[in-house]
Protein backbone atom coordinates (compact mmCIF):
# COMPACT_ATOMS: atom_id res chain seq x y z
CA MET A 1 -0.09 -0.02 0.06
CA ALA A 2 3.05 2.59 1.12
CA SER A 3 4.29 1.81 -2.11
CA THR A 4 1.23 2.45 -4.43
CA GLU A 5 1.22 5.90 -2.76
CA LYS A 6 4.25 6.60 -2.93
CA ASN A 7 4.64 5.63 -6.59
CA PHE A 8 1.89 8.13 -7.20
CA TYR A 9 3.15 10.97 -5.74
CA ALA A 10 6.53 9.96 -7.86
CA GLN A 11 4.37 10.46 -11.22
CA LEU A 12 2.42 13.53 -9.91
CA GLU A 13 5.41 14.97 -9.03
CA HIS A 14 7.02 14.13 -12.55
CA LEU A 15 3.62 15.44 -13.96
CA GLN A 16 3.97 18.72 -12.49
CA SER A 17 7.96 19.56 -13.57
CA ARG A 18 6.96 18.52 -16.91
CA TYR A 19 3.78 20.51 -17.46
CA VAL A 20 3.52 23.57 -15.78
CA GLY A 21 -0.30 24.41 -15.86
CA THR A 22 -0.89 21.31 -13.74
CA GLY A 23 -0.04 23.10 -10.38
CA HIS A 24 1.56 22.17 -7.14
CA PRO A 25 0.07 22.55 -3.84
CA ASP A 26 1.87 26.12 -3.31
CA ILE A 27 0.37 27.66 -6.45
CA SER A 28 -2.21 30.85 -5.23
CA ARG A 29 -5.55 31.27 -6.82
CA ARG A 30 -3.96 33.72 -9.49
CA GLU A 31 -1.43 31.54 -11.17
CA TRP A 32 -4.32 28.92 -11.08
CA MET A 33 -6.61 31.11 -12.47
CA ALA A 34 -3.85 32.08 -15.19
CA ASN A 35 -2.75 29.24 -16.71
CA MET A 36 -6.56 27.73 -16.98
CA ASN A 37 -7.18 31.07 -18.49
CA ARG A 38 -4.80 30.59 -21.10
CA ASP A 39 -5.03 27.21 -21.78
CA SER A 40 -8.58 27.98 -22.47
CA LEU A 41 -7.53 30.21 -25.07
CA ALA A 42 -5.33 28.14 -26.48
CA CYS A 43 -7.80 25.60 -27.26
CA TYR A 44 -10.37 27.84 -28.74
CA LEU A 45 -7.30 29.12 -31.29
CA GLY A 46 -6.27 25.44 -31.76
CA HIS A 47 -9.95 24.82 -33.13
CA ALA A 48 -10.83 26.56 -36.08
CA ASP A 49 -14.70 26.10 -35.19
CA MET A 50 -14.56 27.70 -31.95
CA VAL A 51 -12.79 30.69 -33.62
CA THR A 52 -15.93 30.84 -35.89
CA PHE A 53 -18.20 30.46 -33.23
CA PHE A 54 -17.15 33.58 -31.28
CA ALA A 55 -16.55 35.77 -34.56
CA VAL A 56 -20.31 34.89 -35.09
CA ALA A 57 -21.55 35.82 -31.84
CA GLU A 58 -19.18 39.16 -31.54
CA GLY A 59 -20.51 39.69 -35.23
CA SER A 60 -16.75 40.26 -36.77
CA SER A 61 -14.83 38.14 -38.74
CA VAL A 62 -13.08 35.47 -38.06
CA VAL A 63 -9.35 37.05 -38.27
CA ARG A 64 -10.82 39.67 -35.57
CA ALA A 65 -12.12 37.09 -33.63
CA ARG A 66 -8.58 35.45 -33.42
CA PHE A 67 -6.79 38.28 -33.07
CA SER A 68 -8.63 39.32 -30.33
CA LEU A 69 -7.92 35.39 -28.44
CA VAL A 70 -4.12 35.70 -29.69
CA GLU A 71 -4.02 39.07 -27.36
CA SER A 72 -6.00 37.63 -24.63
CA VAL A 73 -3.84 35.39 -24.33
CA ALA A 74 -0.90 38.10 -24.38
CA ARG A 75 -2.71 40.11 -21.58
CA PRO A 76 -2.30 39.46 -18.00
CA VAL A 77 -5.70 37.96 -15.72
CA ALA A 78 -6.92 40.33 -13.33
CA ASP A 79 -6.54 40.09 -9.72
CA LEU A 80 -10.07 39.26 -8.36
CA ASP A 81 -9.25 41.85 -5.31
CA GLU A 82 -7.62 44.51 -7.61
CA VAL A 83 -10.92 44.69 -10.06
CA LYS A 84 -13.48 44.44 -6.42
CA ARG A 85 -11.00 47.45 -5.29
CA ALA A 86 -11.37 49.27 -8.98
CA ARG A 87 -15.45 48.82 -8.63
CA GLU A 88 -15.43 50.30 -5.28
CA GLN A 89 -13.11 53.31 -6.11
CA ASP A 90 -15.68 53.41 -8.88
CA ASP A 91 -18.66 53.04 -6.64
CA ARG A 92 -17.34 55.72 -4.16
CA GLU A 93 -16.91 58.56 -6.78
CA ASP A 94 -20.29 58.11 -8.15
CA ASP A 95 -21.30 58.58 -4.30
CA ARG A 96 -19.53 61.80 -4.27
CA GLY A 97 -21.16 63.22 -7.14
CA GLY A 98 -18.42 61.77 -9.31
CA LYS A 99 -19.29 61.03 -13.27
CA ARG A 100 -18.75 57.96 -15.24
CA LEU A 101 -19.09 56.65 -18.35
CA ALA A 102 -21.29 53.79 -18.93
CA ALA A 103 -20.20 50.97 -20.04
C-alpha cells in the first residue's frame, strides 16, 4: 500500500515538473486562474470551429476574433482583489458626484 502511494506521488511530481499548468500544492489562486485562462484560450485558438463561433457571436470577422483571442492570451489575468477595489473606488466616486461613463 505504501509503495503504491509513493509511486502515485512520484508520478504526480513528474507531471508537475513536466507541465507548468498542472499546478502544485503552493500555487496561488491567481496563478491557477492565469493557467486555466491561458489554456482555455489556447484551446479555442487551436479549434477553427470555436474561433468561427466566437466571430459569429461577436458579429466580427474570423480574423478579428482570432486576433482578439491572441491578444487575450498575451494579456495578464486581473487579480480578483484588484478588480473588486477598482469597482469600490468607482462606486465611491459615483457617491461623491463624480461622473462615470456608462459601459
